[in-house]
All heavy atoms as atom14 arrays in JSON, in Angstrom:
{
  "sequence": "RIVVKITSRPGETFVDRMIRLVEGASRQKTPNEIALNILLAS",
  "atom14_mask": [
    [1, 1, 1, 1, 1, 1, 1, 1, 1, 1, 1, 0, 0, 0],
    [1, 1, 1, 1, 1, 1, 1, 1, 0, 0, 0, 0, 0, 0],
    [1, 1, 1, 1, 1, 1, 1, 0, 0, 0, 0, 0, 0, 0],
    [1, 1, 1, 1, 1, 1, 1, 0, 0, 0, 0, 0, 0, 0],
    [1, 1, 1, 1, 1, 1, 1, 1, 1, 0, 0, 0, 0, 0],
    [1, 1, 1, 1, 1, 1, 1, 1, 0, 0, 0, 0, 0, 0],
    [1, 1, 1, 1, 1, 1, 1, 0, 0, 0, 0, 0, 0, 0],
    [1, 1, 1, 1, 1, 1, 0, 0, 0, 0, 0, 0, 0, 0],
    [1, 1, 1, 1, 1, 1, 1, 1, 1, 1, 1, 0, 0, 0],
    [1, 1, 1, 1, 1, 1, 1, 0, 0, 0, 0, 0, 0, 0],
    [1, 1, 1, 1, 0, 0, 0, 0, 0, 0, 0, 0, 0, 0],
    [1, 1, 1, 1, 1, 1, 1, 1, 1, 0, 0, 0, 0, 0],
    [1, 1, 1, 1, 1, 1, 1, 0, 0, 0, 0, 0, 0, 0],
    [1, 1, 1, 1, 1, 1, 1, 1, 1, 1, 1, 0, 0, 0],
    [1, 1, 1, 1, 1, 1, 1, 0, 0, 0, 0, 0, 0, 0],
    [1, 1, 1, 1, 1, 1, 1, 1, 0, 0, 0, 0, 0, 0],
    [1, 1, 1, 1, 1, 1, 1, 1, 1, 1, 1, 0, 0, 0],
    [1, 1, 1, 1, 1, 1, 1, 1, 0, 0, 0, 0, 0, 0],
    [1, 1, 1, 1, 1, 1, 1, 1, 0, 0, 0, 0, 0, 0],
    [1, 1, 1, 1, 1, 1, 1, 1, 1, 1, 1, 0, 0, 0],
    [1, 1, 1, 1, 1, 1, 1, 1, 0, 0, 0, 0, 0, 0],
    [1, 1, 1, 1, 1, 1, 1, 0, 0, 0, 0, 0, 0, 0],
    [1, 1, 1, 1, 1, 1, 1, 1, 1, 0, 0, 0, 0, 0],
    [1, 1, 1, 1, 0, 0, 0, 0, 0, 0, 0, 0, 0, 0],
    [1, 1, 1, 1, 1, 0, 0, 0, 0, 0, 0, 0, 0, 0],
    [1, 1, 1, 1, 1, 1, 0, 0, 0, 0, 0, 0, 0, 0],
    [1, 1, 1, 1, 1, 1, 1, 1, 1, 1, 1, 0, 0, 0],
    [1, 1, 1, 1, 1, 1, 1, 1, 1, 0, 0, 0, 0, 0],
    [1, 1, 1, 1, 1, 1, 1, 1, 1, 0, 0, 0, 0, 0],
    [1, 1, 1, 1, 1, 1, 1, 0, 0, 0, 0, 0, 0, 0],
    [1, 1, 1, 1, 1, 1, 1, 0, 0, 0, 0, 0, 0, 0],
    [1, 1, 1, 1, 1, 1, 1, 1, 0, 0, 0, 0, 0, 0],
    [1, 1, 1, 1, 1, 1, 1, 1, 1, 0, 0, 0, 0, 0],
    [1, 1, 1, 1, 1, 1, 1, 1, 0, 0, 0, 0, 0, 0],
    [1, 1, 1, 1, 1, 0, 0, 0, 0, 0, 0, 0, 0, 0],
    [1, 1, 1, 1, 1, 1, 1, 1, 0, 0, 0, 0, 0, 0],
    [1, 1, 1, 1, 1, 1, 1, 1, 0, 0, 0, 0, 0, 0],
    [1, 1, 1, 1, 1, 1, 1, 1, 0, 0, 0, 0, 0, 0],
    [1, 1, 1, 1, 1, 1, 1, 1, 0, 0, 0, 0, 0, 0],
    [1, 1, 1, 1, 1, 1, 1, 1, 0, 0, 0, 0, 0, 0],
    [1, 1, 1, 1, 1, 0, 0, 0, 0, 0, 0, 0, 0, 0],
    [1, 1, 1, 1, 1, 1, 0, 0, 0, 0, 0, 0, 0, 0]
  ],
  "atom14_positions": [
    [[37.48, 23.21, 83.42], [37.04, 22.07, 84.21], [35.55, 22.21, 84.51], [35.06, 23.32, 84.75], [37.84, 22.01, 85.51], [37.36, 20.94, 86.49], [38.2, 20.92, 87.74], [39.57, 20.47, 87.45], [40.47, 20.21, 88.38], [40.16, 20.38, 89.65], [41.68, 19.81, 88.04], [0.0, 0.0, 0.0], [0.0, 0.0, 0.0], [0.0, 0.0, 0.0]],
    [[34.84, 21.09, 84.5], [33.41, 21.11, 84.77], [33.04, 19.96, 85.7], [33.76, 18.96, 85.79], [32.57, 21.0, 83.47], [33.02, 19.78, 82.65], [32.65, 22.26, 82.65], [32.19, 19.54, 81.41], [0.0, 0.0, 0.0], [0.0, 0.0, 0.0], [0.0, 0.0, 0.0], [0.0, 0.0, 0.0], [0.0, 0.0, 0.0], [0.0, 0.0, 0.0]],
    [[31.93, 20.12, 86.39], [31.33, 19.04, 87.17], [30.03, 18.66, 86.47], [29.17, 19.52, 86.21], [31.06, 19.45, 88.62], [30.39, 18.3, 89.37], [32.35, 19.86, 89.32], [0.0, 0.0, 0.0], [0.0, 0.0, 0.0], [0.0, 0.0, 0.0], [0.0, 0.0, 0.0], [0.0, 0.0, 0.0], [0.0, 0.0, 0.0], [0.0, 0.0, 0.0]],
    [[29.89, 17.39, 86.15], [28.73, 16.9, 85.4], [27.9, 15.97, 86.28], [28.44, 15.08, 86.94], [29.19, 16.14, 84.13], [27.99, 15.57, 83.37], [30.01, 17.06, 83.23], [0.0, 0.0, 0.0], [0.0, 0.0, 0.0], [0.0, 0.0, 0.0], [0.0, 0.0, 0.0], [0.0, 0.0, 0.0], [0.0, 0.0, 0.0], [0.0, 0.0, 0.0]],
    [[26.6, 16.2, 86.27], [25.68, 15.29, 86.94], [25.16, 14.3, 85.91], [24.55, 14.68, 84.91], [24.51, 16.05, 87.57], [23.54, 15.16, 88.33], [22.41, 15.97, 88.96], [21.46, 15.07, 89.74], [20.35, 15.85, 90.35], [0.0, 0.0, 0.0], [0.0, 0.0, 0.0], [0.0, 0.0, 0.0], [0.0, 0.0, 0.0], [0.0, 0.0, 0.0]],
    [[25.4, 13.01, 86.11], [25.03, 11.98, 85.14], [23.51, 11.83, 85.09], [22.85, 11.71, 86.14], [25.69, 10.63, 85.5], [27.21, 10.78, 85.5], [25.25, 9.55, 84.53], [27.8, 11.17, 84.16], [0.0, 0.0, 0.0], [0.0, 0.0, 0.0], [0.0, 0.0, 0.0], [0.0, 0.0, 0.0], [0.0, 0.0, 0.0], [0.0, 0.0, 0.0]],
    [[22.96, 11.84, 83.89], [21.5, 11.77, 83.72], [21.07, 10.51, 82.97], [19.92, 10.41, 82.55], [20.99, 13.01, 82.97], [21.66, 13.09, 81.7], [21.23, 14.27, 83.76], [0.0, 0.0, 0.0], [0.0, 0.0, 0.0], [0.0, 0.0, 0.0], [0.0, 0.0, 0.0], [0.0, 0.0, 0.0], [0.0, 0.0, 0.0], [0.0, 0.0, 0.0]],
    [[21.99, 9.57, 82.75], [21.63, 8.34, 82.04], [22.27, 7.14, 82.72], [23.31, 7.25, 83.37], [22.09, 8.41, 80.58], [23.5, 8.48, 80.51], [0.0, 0.0, 0.0], [0.0, 0.0, 0.0], [0.0, 0.0, 0.0], [0.0, 0.0, 0.0], [0.0, 0.0, 0.0], [0.0, 0.0, 0.0], [0.0, 0.0, 0.0], [0.0, 0.0, 0.0]],
    [[21.64, 6.0, 82.56], [22.19, 4.74, 83.08], [23.06, 4.09, 82.02], [22.92, 4.38, 80.83], [21.04, 3.8, 83.47], [20.19, 4.32, 84.63], [19.09, 3.31, 84.96], [18.32, 3.72, 86.13], [17.27, 4.53, 86.06], [16.87, 5.0, 84.88], [16.62, 4.87, 87.16], [0.0, 0.0, 0.0], [0.0, 0.0, 0.0], [0.0, 0.0, 0.0]],
    [[23.96, 3.19, 82.4], [24.78, 2.49, 81.42], [23.9, 1.77, 80.39], [22.92, 1.12, 80.74], [25.58, 1.49, 82.28], [25.63, 2.12, 83.63], [24.34, 2.84, 83.8], [0.0, 0.0, 0.0], [0.0, 0.0, 0.0], [0.0, 0.0, 0.0], [0.0, 0.0, 0.0], [0.0, 0.0, 0.0], [0.0, 0.0, 0.0], [0.0, 0.0, 0.0]],
    [[24.26, 1.91, 79.12], [23.48, 1.29, 78.05], [22.29, 2.11, 77.62], [21.58, 1.73, 76.69], [0.0, 0.0, 0.0], [0.0, 0.0, 0.0], [0.0, 0.0, 0.0], [0.0, 0.0, 0.0], [0.0, 0.0, 0.0], [0.0, 0.0, 0.0], [0.0, 0.0, 0.0], [0.0, 0.0, 0.0], [0.0, 0.0, 0.0], [0.0, 0.0, 0.0]],
    [[22.03, 3.23, 78.29], [20.89, 4.08, 77.94], [21.34, 5.49, 77.59], [20.57, 6.44, 77.69], [19.89, 4.12, 79.1], [19.29, 2.77, 79.44], [18.32, 2.85, 80.6], [18.06, 3.96, 81.08], [17.8, 1.79, 81.02], [0.0, 0.0, 0.0], [0.0, 0.0, 0.0], [0.0, 0.0, 0.0], [0.0, 0.0, 0.0], [0.0, 0.0, 0.0]],
    [[22.6, 5.64, 77.2], [23.1, 6.96, 76.86], [22.52, 7.4, 75.52], [21.91, 6.63, 74.78], [24.63, 6.96, 76.76], [25.02, 6.13, 75.65], [25.26, 6.46, 78.04], [0.0, 0.0, 0.0], [0.0, 0.0, 0.0], [0.0, 0.0, 0.0], [0.0, 0.0, 0.0], [0.0, 0.0, 0.0], [0.0, 0.0, 0.0], [0.0, 0.0, 0.0]],
    [[22.74, 8.66, 75.21], [22.24, 9.23, 73.97], [22.83, 8.49, 72.77], [22.13, 8.18, 71.79], [22.59, 10.72, 73.91], [21.99, 11.44, 72.75], [20.63, 11.52, 72.6], [22.8, 12.04, 71.81], [20.06, 12.19, 71.52], [22.26, 12.71, 70.73], [20.88, 12.79, 70.6], [0.0, 0.0, 0.0], [0.0, 0.0, 0.0], [0.0, 0.0, 0.0]],
    [[24.12, 8.17, 72.84], [24.76, 7.44, 71.74], [24.16, 6.04, 71.6], [23.94, 5.56, 70.48], [26.28, 7.36, 71.95], [26.93, 6.46, 70.91], [26.9, 8.75, 71.89], [0.0, 0.0, 0.0], [0.0, 0.0, 0.0], [0.0, 0.0, 0.0], [0.0, 0.0, 0.0], [0.0, 0.0, 0.0], [0.0, 0.0, 0.0], [0.0, 0.0, 0.0]],
    [[23.88, 5.38, 72.72], [23.26, 4.05, 72.67], [21.9, 4.13, 71.97], [21.56, 3.27, 71.15], [23.08, 3.49, 74.08], [24.4, 3.1, 74.72], [25.25, 2.57, 74.01], [24.57, 3.35, 75.92], [0.0, 0.0, 0.0], [0.0, 0.0, 0.0], [0.0, 0.0, 0.0], [0.0, 0.0, 0.0], [0.0, 0.0, 0.0], [0.0, 0.0, 0.0]],
    [[21.15, 5.15, 72.31], [19.84, 5.31, 71.68], [20.0, 5.6, 70.19], [19.23, 5.09, 69.36], [19.07, 6.45, 72.35], [18.65, 6.14, 73.78], [18.16, 7.37, 74.5], [16.99, 7.93, 73.85], [16.52, 9.15, 74.12], [17.16, 9.9, 75.01], [15.46, 9.6, 73.52], [0.0, 0.0, 0.0], [0.0, 0.0, 0.0], [0.0, 0.0, 0.0]],
    [[20.98, 6.41, 69.83], [21.23, 6.7, 68.42], [21.54, 5.41, 67.66], [21.03, 5.19, 66.56], [22.38, 7.69, 68.28], [22.05, 9.11, 68.66], [23.51, 10.19, 68.54], [23.81, 10.14, 66.78], [0.0, 0.0, 0.0], [0.0, 0.0, 0.0], [0.0, 0.0, 0.0], [0.0, 0.0, 0.0], [0.0, 0.0, 0.0], [0.0, 0.0, 0.0]],
    [[22.39, 4.58, 68.25], [22.79, 3.34, 67.58], [21.57, 2.45, 67.34], [21.38, 1.91, 66.25], [23.85, 2.6, 68.42], [25.17, 3.39, 68.41], [24.08, 1.19, 67.89], [26.2, 2.86, 69.38], [0.0, 0.0, 0.0], [0.0, 0.0, 0.0], [0.0, 0.0, 0.0], [0.0, 0.0, 0.0], [0.0, 0.0, 0.0], [0.0, 0.0, 0.0]],
    [[20.74, 2.3, 68.36], [19.56, 1.44, 68.2], [18.62, 1.99, 67.15], [18.03, 1.24, 66.37], [18.83, 1.31, 69.54], [19.57, 0.46, 70.56], [18.67, 0.06, 71.7], [18.22, 1.21, 72.48], [18.85, 1.66, 73.55], [19.97, 1.08, 73.97], [18.38, 2.7, 74.21], [0.0, 0.0, 0.0], [0.0, 0.0, 0.0], [0.0, 0.0, 0.0]],
    [[18.48, 3.32, 67.11], [17.55, 3.93, 66.17], [18.04, 3.84, 64.73], [17.28, 3.49, 63.83], [17.29, 5.39, 66.57], [16.43, 5.56, 67.82], [16.51, 6.99, 68.32], [14.98, 5.19, 67.51], [0.0, 0.0, 0.0], [0.0, 0.0, 0.0], [0.0, 0.0, 0.0], [0.0, 0.0, 0.0], [0.0, 0.0, 0.0], [0.0, 0.0, 0.0]],
    [[19.3, 4.16, 64.51], [19.78, 4.15, 63.12], [19.92, 2.72, 62.6], [19.87, 2.5, 61.39], [21.12, 4.9, 62.96], [20.98, 6.35, 63.33], [22.23, 4.26, 63.78], [0.0, 0.0, 0.0], [0.0, 0.0, 0.0], [0.0, 0.0, 0.0], [0.0, 0.0, 0.0], [0.0, 0.0, 0.0], [0.0, 0.0, 0.0], [0.0, 0.0, 0.0]],
    [[20.07, 1.75, 63.49], [20.08, 0.36, 63.06], [18.69, -0.13, 62.71], [18.52, -1.13, 62.03], [20.66, -0.53, 64.16], [22.17, -0.54, 64.21], [22.69, -1.57, 65.19], [22.04, -1.79, 66.22], [23.73, -2.16, 64.92], [0.0, 0.0, 0.0], [0.0, 0.0, 0.0], [0.0, 0.0, 0.0], [0.0, 0.0, 0.0], [0.0, 0.0, 0.0]],
    [[17.69, 0.6, 63.17], [16.32, 0.18, 62.89], [15.77, -0.8, 63.89], [14.65, -1.28, 63.73], [0.0, 0.0, 0.0], [0.0, 0.0, 0.0], [0.0, 0.0, 0.0], [0.0, 0.0, 0.0], [0.0, 0.0, 0.0], [0.0, 0.0, 0.0], [0.0, 0.0, 0.0], [0.0, 0.0, 0.0], [0.0, 0.0, 0.0], [0.0, 0.0, 0.0]],
    [[16.54, -1.1, 64.93], [16.08, -2.1, 65.9], [14.81, -1.67, 66.61], [13.99, -2.49, 66.98], [17.19, -2.38, 66.92], [0.0, 0.0, 0.0], [0.0, 0.0, 0.0], [0.0, 0.0, 0.0], [0.0, 0.0, 0.0], [0.0, 0.0, 0.0], [0.0, 0.0, 0.0], [0.0, 0.0, 0.0], [0.0, 0.0, 0.0], [0.0, 0.0, 0.0]],
    [[14.66, -0.36, 66.81], [13.49, 0.12, 67.54], [12.51, 0.84, 66.62], [11.62, 1.53, 67.09], [13.92, 1.06, 68.67], [14.6, 2.17, 68.14], [0.0, 0.0, 0.0], [0.0, 0.0, 0.0], [0.0, 0.0, 0.0], [0.0, 0.0, 0.0], [0.0, 0.0, 0.0], [0.0, 0.0, 0.0], [0.0, 0.0, 0.0], [0.0, 0.0, 0.0]],
    [[12.71, 0.67, 65.32], [11.8, 1.34, 64.38], [10.46, 0.6, 64.34], [10.41, -0.59, 64.06], [12.41, 1.4, 62.99], [11.49, 2.06, 61.97], [12.05, 1.99, 60.56], [11.11, 2.56, 59.62], [10.16, 1.84, 59.03], [10.04, 0.57, 59.29], [9.33, 2.42, 58.19], [0.0, 0.0, 0.0], [0.0, 0.0, 0.0], [0.0, 0.0, 0.0]],
    [[9.38, 1.31, 64.61], [8.05, 0.74, 64.54], [7.33, 1.31, 63.32], [7.56, 2.44, 62.91], [7.25, 1.08, 65.81], [7.91, 0.6, 67.09], [7.98, -0.91, 67.15], [7.06, -1.6, 66.74], [9.09, -1.44, 67.67], [0.0, 0.0, 0.0], [0.0, 0.0, 0.0], [0.0, 0.0, 0.0], [0.0, 0.0, 0.0], [0.0, 0.0, 0.0]],
    [[6.44, 0.49, 62.74], [5.67, 0.97, 61.59], [4.77, 2.13, 62.02], [4.2, 2.13, 63.11], [4.83, -0.17, 61.01], [5.63, -1.17, 60.17], [4.71, -2.19, 59.54], [5.46, -3.05, 58.53], [6.52, -3.85, 59.12], [0.0, 0.0, 0.0], [0.0, 0.0, 0.0], [0.0, 0.0, 0.0], [0.0, 0.0, 0.0], [0.0, 0.0, 0.0]],
    [[4.63, 3.11, 61.15], [3.78, 4.26, 61.44], [2.33, 3.92, 61.13], [2.04, 2.96, 60.41], [4.21, 5.46, 60.58], [3.98, 5.14, 59.2], [5.68, 5.77, 60.78], [0.0, 0.0, 0.0], [0.0, 0.0, 0.0], [0.0, 0.0, 0.0], [0.0, 0.0, 0.0], [0.0, 0.0, 0.0], [0.0, 0.0, 0.0], [0.0, 0.0, 0.0]],
    [[1.37, 4.69, 61.67], [-0.05, 4.42, 61.38], [-0.35, 4.4, 59.88], [-1.11, 3.54, 59.4], [-0.76, 5.58, 62.08], [0.15, 5.96, 63.19], [1.53, 5.76, 62.66], [0.0, 0.0, 0.0], [0.0, 0.0, 0.0], [0.0, 0.0, 0.0], [0.0, 0.0, 0.0], [0.0, 0.0, 0.0], [0.0, 0.0, 0.0], [0.0, 0.0, 0.0]],
    [[0.25, 5.34, 59.14], [0.04, 5.39, 57.7], [0.57, 4.13, 57.04], [-0.06, 3.54, 56.15], [0.73, 6.63, 57.13], [0.45, 6.83, 55.67], [0.89, 6.05, 54.83], [-0.26, 7.9, 55.35], [0.0, 0.0, 0.0], [0.0, 0.0, 0.0], [0.0, 0.0, 0.0], [0.0, 0.0, 0.0], [0.0, 0.0, 0.0], [0.0, 0.0, 0.0]],
    [[1.74, 3.69, 57.48], [2.36, 2.49, 56.93], [1.54, 1.25, 57.27], [1.37, 0.35, 56.43], [3.78, 2.36, 57.48], [4.7, 1.48, 56.67], [6.13, 1.55, 57.17], [6.45, 2.48, 57.94], [6.92, 0.68, 56.78], [0.0, 0.0, 0.0], [0.0, 0.0, 0.0], [0.0, 0.0, 0.0], [0.0, 0.0, 0.0], [0.0, 0.0, 0.0]],
    [[1.02, 1.19, 58.49], [0.18, 0.05, 58.9], [-1.08, 0.01, 58.06], [-1.51, -1.06, 57.58], [-0.16, 0.16, 60.4], [1.11, -0.05, 61.24], [-1.22, -0.87, 60.78], [0.91, 0.22, 62.72], [0.0, 0.0, 0.0], [0.0, 0.0, 0.0], [0.0, 0.0, 0.0], [0.0, 0.0, 0.0], [0.0, 0.0, 0.0], [0.0, 0.0, 0.0]],
    [[-1.71, 1.19, 57.85], [-2.93, 1.25, 57.05], [-2.68, 0.78, 55.62], [-3.48, 0.04, 55.04], [-3.48, 2.67, 57.06], [0.0, 0.0, 0.0], [0.0, 0.0, 0.0], [0.0, 0.0, 0.0], [0.0, 0.0, 0.0], [0.0, 0.0, 0.0], [0.0, 0.0, 0.0], [0.0, 0.0, 0.0], [0.0, 0.0, 0.0], [0.0, 0.0, 0.0]],
    [[-1.54, 1.2, 55.06], [-1.21, 0.79, 53.69], [-0.93, -0.71, 53.64], [-1.32, -1.39, 52.67], [0.0, 1.58, 53.19], [0.36, 1.42, 51.71], [-0.84, 1.69, 50.82], [1.51, 2.37, 51.34], [0.0, 0.0, 0.0], [0.0, 0.0, 0.0], [0.0, 0.0, 0.0], [0.0, 0.0, 0.0], [0.0, 0.0, 0.0], [0.0, 0.0, 0.0]],
    [[-0.28, -1.25, 54.67], [-0.05, -2.7, 54.72], [-1.36, -3.46, 54.77], [-1.51, -4.51, 54.13], [0.8, -3.05, 55.95], [2.27, -3.21, 55.61], [2.61, -3.8, 54.6], [3.13, -2.66, 56.45], [0.0, 0.0, 0.0], [0.0, 0.0, 0.0], [0.0, 0.0, 0.0], [0.0, 0.0, 0.0], [0.0, 0.0, 0.0], [0.0, 0.0, 0.0]],
    [[-2.32, -2.94, 55.53], [-3.63, -3.59, 55.6], [-4.32, -3.56, 54.24], [-4.92, -4.55, 53.8], [-4.51, -2.91, 56.67], [-3.92, -3.15, 58.07], [-5.94, -3.4, 56.6], [-4.61, -2.39, 59.17], [0.0, 0.0, 0.0], [0.0, 0.0, 0.0], [0.0, 0.0, 0.0], [0.0, 0.0, 0.0], [0.0, 0.0, 0.0], [0.0, 0.0, 0.0]],
    [[-4.22, -2.42, 53.55], [-4.8, -2.31, 52.21], [-4.16, -3.31, 51.25], [-4.87, -4.01, 50.49], [-4.62, -0.88, 51.68], [-5.05, -0.65, 50.22], [-6.54, -0.91, 50.05], [-4.67, 0.76, 49.77], [0.0, 0.0, 0.0], [0.0, 0.0, 0.0], [0.0, 0.0, 0.0], [0.0, 0.0, 0.0], [0.0, 0.0, 0.0], [0.0, 0.0, 0.0]],
    [[-2.83, -3.39, 51.29], [-2.13, -4.31, 50.4], [-2.48, -5.76, 50.72], [-2.66, -6.59, 49.82], [-0.62, -4.1, 50.5], [-0.09, -2.71, 50.08], [1.42, -2.66, 50.24], [-0.49, -2.39, 48.66], [0.0, 0.0, 0.0], [0.0, 0.0, 0.0], [0.0, 0.0, 0.0], [0.0, 0.0, 0.0], [0.0, 0.0, 0.0], [0.0, 0.0, 0.0]],
    [[-2.6, -6.08, 52.01], [-2.98, -7.44, 52.39], [-4.39, -7.76, 51.92], [-4.67, -8.88, 51.45], [-2.87, -7.59, 53.91], [0.0, 0.0, 0.0], [0.0, 0.0, 0.0], [0.0, 0.0, 0.0], [0.0, 0.0, 0.0], [0.0, 0.0, 0.0], [0.0, 0.0, 0.0], [0.0, 0.0, 0.0], [0.0, 0.0, 0.0], [0.0, 0.0, 0.0]],
    [[-5.29, -6.78, 52.04], [-6.67, -6.98, 51.6], [-6.73, -7.23, 50.1], [-7.46, -8.11, 49.62], [-7.52, -5.77, 51.97], [-7.5, -5.55, 53.37], [0.0, 0.0, 0.0], [0.0, 0.0, 0.0], [0.0, 0.0, 0.0], [0.0, 0.0, 0.0], [0.0, 0.0, 0.0], [0.0, 0.0, 0.0], [0.0, 0.0, 0.0], [0.0, 0.0, 0.0]]
  ]
}
């Protein structure tokens, strides 16, 4: 038996973050990727 102190709010758990990340919803372009996009646009 253990006593756990909750460190996350509903919807902000580690699994929730994993889901958002692997879905790509929070994926931002990296500086290298942005620079290459600018080159391609140019």
